[in-house]
Amino acid sequence: MEHEIIFTALHIHLRWLRSLAKTGLQKAK
């Protein structure tokens, strides 16, 4: 059960990082 919560948190974190990188690249251009 516990590792399931960690896995979900990691998934959300990765999506957040990807969106953050996308906006960062758009701002750089």
PDB file of N, CA and C in Angstrom:
ATOM      1  N   MET A   1       0.836  -1.200   0.000  1.00  0.00           N
ATOM      2  CA  MET A   1       0.000   0.000   0.000  1.00  0.00           C
ATOM      3  C   MET A   1       0.875   1.256   0.000  1.00  0.00           C
ATOM      4  N   GLU A   2       1.891   1.245   0.856  1.00  0.00           N
ATOM      5  CA  GLU A   2       2.722   2.442   0.988  1.00  0.00           C
ATOM      6  C   GLU A   2       3.461   2.757  -0.303  1.00  0.00           C
ATOM      7  N   HIS A   3       4.044   1.729  -0.923  1.00  0.00           N
ATOM      8  CA  HIS A   3       4.796   1.992  -2.161  1.00  0.00           C
ATOM      9  C   HIS A   3       3.867   2.448  -3.276  1.00  0.00           C
ATOM     10  N   GLU A   4       2.585   2.143  -3.162  1.00  0.00           N
ATOM     11  CA  GLU A   4       1.621   2.600  -4.170  1.00  0.00           C
ATOM     12  C   GLU A   4       1.474   4.112  -4.083  1.00  0.00           C
ATOM     13  N   ILE A   5       1.438   4.622  -2.864  1.00  0.00           N
ATOM     14  CA  ILE A   5       1.309   6.072  -2.651  1.00  0.00           C
ATOM     15  C   ILE A   5       2.555   6.775  -3.185  1.00  0.00           C
ATOM     16  N   ILE A   6       3.720   6.181  -2.931  1.00  0.00           N
ATOM     17  CA  ILE A   6       4.988   6.765  -3.399  1.00  0.00           C
ATOM     18  C   ILE A   6       5.010   6.780  -4.923  1.00  0.00           C
ATOM     19  N   PHE A   7       4.535   5.686  -5.533  1.00  0.00           N
ATOM     20  CA  PHE A   7       4.518   5.590  -6.989  1.00  0.00           C
ATOM     21  C   PHE A   7       3.625   6.674  -7.589  1.00  0.00           C
ATOM     22  N   THR A   8       2.457   6.889  -6.966  1.00  0.00           N
ATOM     23  CA  THR A   8       1.531   7.915  -7.444  1.00  0.00           C
ATOM     24  C   THR A   8       2.155   9.296  -7.294  1.00  0.00           C
ATOM     25  N   ALA A   9       2.813   9.520  -6.164  1.00  0.00           N
ATOM     26  CA  ALA A   9       3.454  10.820  -5.917  1.00  0.00           C
ATOM     27  C   ALA A   9       4.541  11.068  -6.958  1.00  0.00           C
ATOM     28  N   LEU A  10       5.304  10.028  -7.282  1.00  0.00           N
ATOM     29  CA  LEU A  10       6.369  10.162  -8.284  1.00  0.00           C
ATOM     30  C   LEU A  10       5.778  10.483  -9.651  1.00  0.00           C
ATOM     31  N   HIS A  11       4.661   9.828  -9.970  1.00  0.00           N
ATOM     32  CA  HIS A  11       4.022  10.047 -11.270  1.00  0.00           C
ATOM     33  C   HIS A  11       3.567  11.502 -11.396  1.00  0.00           C
ATOM     34  N   ILE A  12       2.934  12.014 -10.324  1.00  0.00           N
ATOM     35  CA  ILE A  12       2.464  13.409 -10.337  1.00  0.00           C
ATOM     36  C   ILE A  12       3.656  14.348 -10.413  1.00  0.00           C
ATOM     37  N   HIS A  13       4.726  14.014  -9.693  1.00  0.00           N
ATOM     38  CA  HIS A  13       5.922  14.866  -9.675  1.00  0.00           C
ATOM     39  C   HIS A  13       6.560  14.934 -11.057  1.00  0.00           C
ATOM     40  N   LEU A  14       6.591  13.794 -11.749  1.00  0.00           N
ATOM     41  CA  LEU A  14       7.183  13.757 -13.093  1.00  0.00           C
ATOM     42  C   LEU A  14       6.360  14.598 -14.063  1.00  0.00           C
ATOM     43  N   ARG A  15       5.037  14.521 -13.928  1.00  0.00           N
ATOM     44  CA  ARG A  15       4.165  15.315 -14.812  1.00  0.00           C
ATOM     45  C   ARG A  15       4.374  16.795 -14.541  1.00  0.00           C
ATOM     46  N   TRP A  16       4.536  17.140 -13.256  1.00  0.00           N
ATOM     47  CA  TRP A  16       4.747  18.540 -12.869  1.00  0.00           C
ATOM     48  C   TRP A  16       6.073  19.043 -13.430  1.00  0.00           C
ATOM     49  N   LEU A  17       7.102  18.207 -13.336  1.00  0.00           N
ATOM     50  CA  LEU A  17       8.418  18.595 -13.852  1.00  0.00           C
ATOM     51  C   LEU A  17       8.365  18.788 -15.359  1.00  0.00           C
ATOM     52  N   ARG A  18       7.628  17.910 -16.043  1.00  0.00           N
ATOM     53  CA  ARG A  18       7.536  18.000 -17.505  1.00  0.00           C
ATOM     54  C   ARG A  18       6.843  19.295 -17.915  1.00  0.00           C
ATOM     55  N   SER A  19       5.750  19.630 -17.238  1.00  0.00           N
ATOM     56  CA  SER A  19       5.023  20.869 -17.561  1.00  0.00           C
ATOM     57  C   SER A  19       5.891  22.075 -17.223  1.00  0.00           C
ATOM     58  N   LEU A  20       6.660  21.975 -16.137  1.00  0.00           N
ATOM     59  CA  LEU A  20       7.541  23.075 -15.736  1.00  0.00           C
ATOM     60  C   LEU A  20       8.629  23.278 -16.789  1.00  0.00           C
ATOM     61  N   ALA A  21       9.172  22.188 -17.295  1.00  0.00           N
ATOM     62  CA  ALA A  21      10.222  22.272 -18.319  1.00  0.00           C
ATOM     63  C   ALA A  21       9.640  22.843 -19.608  1.00  0.00           C
ATOM     64  N   LYS A  22       8.398  22.477 -19.914  1.00  0.00           N
ATOM     65  CA  LYS A  22       7.753  22.980 -21.137  1.00  0.00           C
ATOM     66  C   LYS A  22       7.602  24.490 -21.074  1.00  0.00           C
ATOM     67  N   THR A  23       7.082  24.990 -19.959  1.00  0.00           N
ATOM     68  CA  THR A  23       6.897  26.438 -19.817  1.00  0.00           C
ATOM     69  C   THR A  23       8.248  27.132 -19.790  1.00  0.00           C
ATOM     70  N   GLY A  24       9.256  26.489 -19.199  1.00  0.00           N
ATOM     71  CA  GLY A  24      10.594  27.071 -19.138  1.00  0.00           C
ATOM     72  C   GLY A  24      11.182  27.218 -20.530  1.00  0.00           C
ATOM     73  N   LEU A  25      10.988  26.209 -21.371  1.00  0.00           N
ATOM     74  CA  LEU A  25      11.508  26.259 -22.739  1.00  0.00           C
ATOM     75  C   LEU A  25      10.785  27.326 -23.549  1.00  0.00           C
ATOM     76  N   GLN A  26       9.481  27.456 -23.343  1.00  0.00           N
ATOM     77  CA  GLN A  26       8.708  28.456 -24.081  1.00  0.00           C
ATOM     78  C   GLN A  26       9.153  29.863 -23.677  1.00  0.00           C
ATOM     79  N   LYS A  27       9.475  30.045 -22.386  1.00  0.00           N
ATOM     80  CA  LYS A  27       9.906  31.359 -21.918  1.00  0.00           C
ATOM     81  C   LYS A  27      11.295  31.681 -22.463  1.00  0.00           C
ATOM     82  N   ALA A  28      12.134  30.648 -22.610  1.00  0.00           N
ATOM     83  CA  ALA A  28      13.496  30.850 -23.124  1.00  0.00           C
ATOM     84  C   ALA A  28      13.431  31.342 -24.569  1.00  0.00           C
ATOM     85  N   LYS A  29      12.459  30.822 -25.324  1.00  0.00           N
ATOM     86  CA  LYS A  29      12.303  31.226 -26.725  1.00  0.00           C
ATOM     87  C   LYS A  29      11.593  32.574 -26.767  1.00  0.00           C
TER      88      LYS A  29
END
